[in-house]
Amino acid sequence: MSASYPHPIIAREGWPFLAVTVLVAAATGWLWSWWSTPFWLAVLFVLQFFRDPPRQAPGDSHSVVSPADGRVVAVERSRDPYLERDAIKVSVFMNVFNAHSNRSPVDGEVKKRWYNSGRFLNAALDKASLENERNALWLRTPGGADVTCVQIAGLVARRILCYVREGDVLARGQRFGFIRFGSRVEVYVPPDATLVAALGDKVHATSTVIAKLPRHA
């Protein structure tokens, strides 16, 4: 299945940052030559941070794919605080060297969206799940399974972007948002789902399967 990809290789959220850093580097190079080196390094950082490569979603409609690039920092049975149910939580931490585009973990309809203002603790900490600024989506798959996907701001991240609303229908791997400068994304799946991801795994948005939904869903 090919994920919807409406933007170029560099995420649109990065265009203003890229334009500013290129202009500053070029102006500095014109005025002071080699003094522009740090600014060109900044351009390279912006390019790698805002890269947004197209990805292919593996598996079928029962596959839950990673919503973000990063490292799995939690895989545990937990309580979904949004749907108030028992669930399995998979948390992916994104550092500043990961791509920060967020993709839908499943095929599904957005049943509800929640936004909570909060703190900006290190997103690698467990308490960031409940204390930091966050945006959550309740997704219902065509098979009737409920999956919750939560964007969580981090220590440096100060902007959560989400472009979908209640009633929108997403495909696995479809881009729905972006978090700037280090953050965390969590997925709550039904307690009878089969885990694929393990603690410490490096995962890639869309292309890494993190769980399998039960076949009755």
Protein backbone atom coordinates (compact mmCIF):
# COMPACT_ATOMS: atom_id res chain seq x y z
CA MET A 1 0.00 0.00 0.00
CA SER A 2 1.41 3.42 -0.91
CA ALA A 3 1.06 6.09 1.76
CA SER A 4 -0.45 9.41 0.82
CA TYR A 5 2.36 11.92 0.38
CA PRO A 6 1.25 15.47 -0.37
CA HIS A 7 4.54 17.25 0.31
CA PRO A 8 8.05 17.34 -1.18
CA ILE A 9 11.03 15.54 0.39
CA ILE A 10 11.57 18.51 2.75
CA ALA A 11 8.54 18.96 5.01
CA ARG A 12 6.64 22.17 4.40
CA GLU A 13 7.02 23.01 8.11
CA GLY A 14 10.75 23.40 7.47
CA TRP A 15 10.59 25.77 4.51
CA PRO A 16 10.74 29.01 6.60
CA PHE A 17 13.65 27.66 8.68
CA LEU A 18 15.51 26.54 5.56
CA ALA A 19 14.97 29.87 3.81
CA VAL A 20 16.26 31.86 6.79
CA THR A 21 19.35 29.70 7.37
CA VAL A 22 20.28 29.71 3.65
CA LEU A 23 19.91 33.49 3.45
CA VAL A 24 22.00 34.02 6.58
CA ALA A 25 24.69 31.59 5.39
CA ALA A 26 24.82 33.15 1.92
CA ALA A 27 24.97 36.70 3.29
CA THR A 28 27.67 35.77 5.79
CA GLY A 29 29.70 34.03 3.08
CA TRP A 30 29.46 37.07 0.81
CA LEU A 31 30.63 39.39 3.59
CA TRP A 32 33.11 37.29 5.56
CA SER A 33 33.84 34.18 3.46
CA TRP A 34 34.82 31.23 5.69
CA TRP A 35 32.97 32.68 8.71
CA SER A 36 29.84 31.36 7.04
CA THR A 37 30.82 27.72 7.76
CA PRO A 38 28.74 27.39 10.99
CA PHE A 39 25.72 28.79 9.18
CA TRP A 40 26.05 26.27 6.35
CA LEU A 41 26.26 23.55 9.00
CA ALA A 42 23.00 24.95 10.36
CA VAL A 43 21.52 24.61 6.86
CA LEU A 44 22.53 20.94 6.82
CA PHE A 45 20.94 20.42 10.24
CA VAL A 46 17.68 21.98 9.08
CA LEU A 47 17.70 19.80 5.95
CA GLN A 48 18.15 16.58 7.92
CA PHE A 49 15.66 17.55 10.62
CA PHE A 50 12.86 18.45 8.21
CA ARG A 51 13.42 15.62 5.75
CA ASP A 52 10.14 13.87 5.04
CA PRO A 53 10.77 10.87 2.76
CA PRO A 54 7.88 8.96 1.18
CA ARG A 55 7.41 5.51 2.75
CA GLN A 56 5.70 2.26 1.80
CA ALA A 57 3.36 0.74 4.41
CA PRO A 58 3.87 -3.04 4.77
CA GLY A 59 1.35 -5.67 5.85
CA ASP A 60 -2.43 -5.44 5.72
CA SER A 61 -5.25 -3.63 7.49
CA HIS A 62 -4.42 -5.49 10.74
CA SER A 63 -0.89 -4.08 10.82
CA VAL A 64 -0.13 -1.17 13.15
CA VAL A 65 2.82 0.83 11.82
CA SER A 66 5.05 3.22 13.71
CA PRO A 67 3.71 6.79 13.63
CA ALA A 68 7.21 8.25 13.93
CA ASP A 69 10.92 7.67 13.39
CA GLY A 70 12.87 7.02 16.57
CA ARG A 71 13.53 4.52 19.33
CA VAL A 72 10.98 2.48 21.28
CA VAL A 73 11.27 3.61 24.91
CA ALA A 74 8.22 1.83 26.36
CA VAL A 75 6.24 -1.31 25.54
CA GLU A 76 3.82 -2.12 28.33
CA ARG A 77 0.32 -2.95 29.40
CA SER A 78 -1.25 0.30 30.43
CA ARG A 79 -4.44 2.25 30.86
CA ASP A 80 -5.47 4.31 27.85
CA PRO A 81 -6.31 7.65 29.53
CA TYR A 82 -8.34 8.86 26.54
CA LEU A 83 -10.64 5.88 25.91
CA GLU A 84 -10.45 4.75 29.56
CA ARG A 85 -9.68 1.13 28.74
CA ASP A 86 -6.96 -1.44 29.26
CA ALA A 87 -4.48 -1.34 26.39
CA ILE A 88 -0.91 -1.98 25.29
CA LYS A 89 1.17 1.18 24.96
CA VAL A 90 4.09 1.55 22.56
CA SER A 91 6.10 4.79 22.94
CA VAL A 92 8.52 6.10 20.32
CA PHE A 93 11.02 8.81 21.29
CA MET A 94 12.27 11.12 18.52
CA ASN A 95 15.58 12.90 19.00
CA VAL A 96 16.66 15.91 16.94
CA PHE A 97 18.30 13.66 14.34
CA ASN A 98 15.08 11.77 13.51
CA ALA A 99 12.57 12.78 10.86
CA HIS A 100 9.66 14.41 12.73
CA SER A 101 6.74 13.89 10.38
CA ASN A 102 3.93 11.92 12.08
CA ARG A 103 1.97 9.26 10.18
CA SER A 104 -1.22 7.38 10.93
CA PRO A 105 -0.51 3.98 12.55
CA VAL A 106 -3.64 2.35 11.06
CA ASP A 107 -6.32 2.65 8.43
CA GLY A 108 -9.13 4.35 10.28
CA GLU A 109 -11.57 7.16 10.91
CA VAL A 110 -10.74 9.93 13.36
CA LYS A 111 -13.52 9.53 15.93
CA LYS A 112 -12.26 12.16 18.36
CA ARG A 113 -9.34 14.51 18.92
CA TRP A 114 -8.06 15.86 22.24
CA TYR A 115 -5.55 18.64 22.93
CA ASN A 116 -4.02 19.21 26.37
CA SER A 117 -1.67 22.04 27.23
CA GLY A 118 1.09 21.10 29.63
CA ARG A 119 4.75 21.12 30.53
CA PHE A 120 7.83 20.54 28.39
CA LEU A 121 9.69 17.79 30.26
CA ASN A 122 12.21 15.56 28.53
CA ALA A 123 10.00 13.40 26.25
CA ALA A 124 12.10 10.31 27.10
CA LEU A 125 10.66 10.38 30.65
CA ASP A 126 7.56 8.29 31.37
CA LYS A 127 5.80 11.14 33.17
CA ALA A 128 5.92 13.20 29.97
CA SER A 129 2.98 11.07 28.73
CA LEU A 130 0.62 12.72 31.19
CA GLU A 131 2.29 16.02 32.07
CA ASN A 132 3.55 17.44 28.75
CA GLU A 133 1.65 19.28 26.05
CA ARG A 134 -0.03 16.63 23.89
CA ASN A 135 -2.50 15.97 21.10
CA ALA A 136 -4.38 12.66 20.87
CA LEU A 137 -6.38 11.00 18.10
CA TRP A 138 -8.89 8.19 18.53
CA LEU A 139 -8.81 6.08 15.35
CA ARG A 140 -11.34 3.35 14.59
CA THR A 141 -10.28 0.82 11.97
CA PRO A 142 -12.63 -0.65 9.34
CA GLY A 143 -12.61 -3.84 11.42
CA GLY A 144 -13.83 -2.00 14.51
CA ALA A 145 -10.58 -1.85 16.51
CA ASP A 146 -9.84 1.30 18.49
CA VAL A 147 -6.33 2.74 18.39
CA THR A 148 -5.19 5.92 20.15
CA CYS A 149 -2.24 7.90 18.79
CA VAL A 150 -0.73 10.65 20.97
CA GLN A 151 1.73 13.38 19.97
CA ILE A 152 3.71 14.60 22.98
CA ALA A 153 5.90 17.69 23.08
CA GLY A 154 9.38 17.40 24.57
CA LEU A 155 12.02 19.46 26.32
CA VAL A 156 12.89 21.43 23.18
CA ALA A 157 9.72 20.83 21.13
CA ARG A 158 7.37 23.79 21.44
CA ARG A 159 4.96 23.15 18.62
CA ILE A 160 2.65 20.21 17.97
CA LEU A 161 1.00 20.35 14.57
CA CYS A 162 -2.02 18.19 13.70
CA TYR A 163 -3.87 18.60 10.41
CA VAL A 164 -6.82 16.23 10.81
CA ARG A 165 -10.25 16.62 12.37
CA GLU A 166 -12.98 14.35 13.67
CA GLY A 167 -14.57 12.49 10.76
CA ASP A 168 -11.43 12.41 8.59
CA VAL A 169 -10.40 9.01 7.25
CA LEU A 170 -6.71 8.12 7.27
CA ALA A 171 -4.70 5.38 5.59
CA ARG A 172 -1.79 3.62 7.27
CA GLY A 173 1.26 5.81 6.85
CA GLN A 174 -0.69 8.90 5.85
CA ARG A 175 0.86 12.08 7.15
CA PHE A 176 -1.30 13.78 9.80
CA GLY A 177 1.06 16.04 11.73
CA PHE A 178 4.49 17.19 12.78
CA ILE A 179 6.31 17.99 16.05
CA ARG A 180 9.24 20.37 16.04
CA PHE A 181 12.57 19.62 17.73
CA GLY A 182 12.52 16.42 19.77
CA SER A 183 9.40 14.70 21.06
CA ARG A 184 7.48 11.46 21.62
CA VAL A 185 4.57 9.65 19.97
CA GLU A 186 2.57 6.92 21.70
CA VAL A 187 0.16 4.33 20.36
CA TYR A 188 -2.42 2.51 22.49
CA VAL A 189 -3.69 -0.72 20.90
CA PRO A 190 -6.24 -3.28 22.19
CA PRO A 191 -4.90 -5.60 24.93
CA ASP A 192 -5.27 -8.66 22.68
CA ALA A 193 -3.10 -7.17 19.92
CA THR A 194 0.14 -8.99 19.08
CA LEU A 195 3.27 -6.97 19.75
CA VAL A 196 5.99 -6.81 17.11
CA ALA A 197 8.11 -3.94 18.45
CA ALA A 198 10.38 -4.45 21.45
CA LEU A 199 11.96 -2.07 23.93
CA GLY A 200 15.00 -0.37 22.39
CA ASP A 201 14.04 -1.05 18.76
CA LYS A 202 14.78 1.63 16.20
CA VAL A 203 11.66 2.22 14.13
CA HIS A 204 10.70 4.21 11.06
CA ALA A 205 7.37 5.92 10.47
CA THR A 206 5.10 3.95 8.12
CA SER A 207 7.66 1.27 7.19
CA THR A 208 8.03 -0.46 10.61
CA VAL A 209 5.20 -2.66 11.92
CA ILE A 210 4.94 -2.31 15.71
CA ALA A 211 1.86 -4.50 16.39
CA LYS A 212 -0.81 -6.67 14.79
CA LEU A 213 -4.49 -6.16 15.56
CA PRO A 214 -6.56 -9.26 16.35
CA ARG A 215 -8.20 -10.83 13.32
CA HIS A 216 -11.67 -10.43 14.76
CA ALA A 217 -11.15 -6.67 14.64
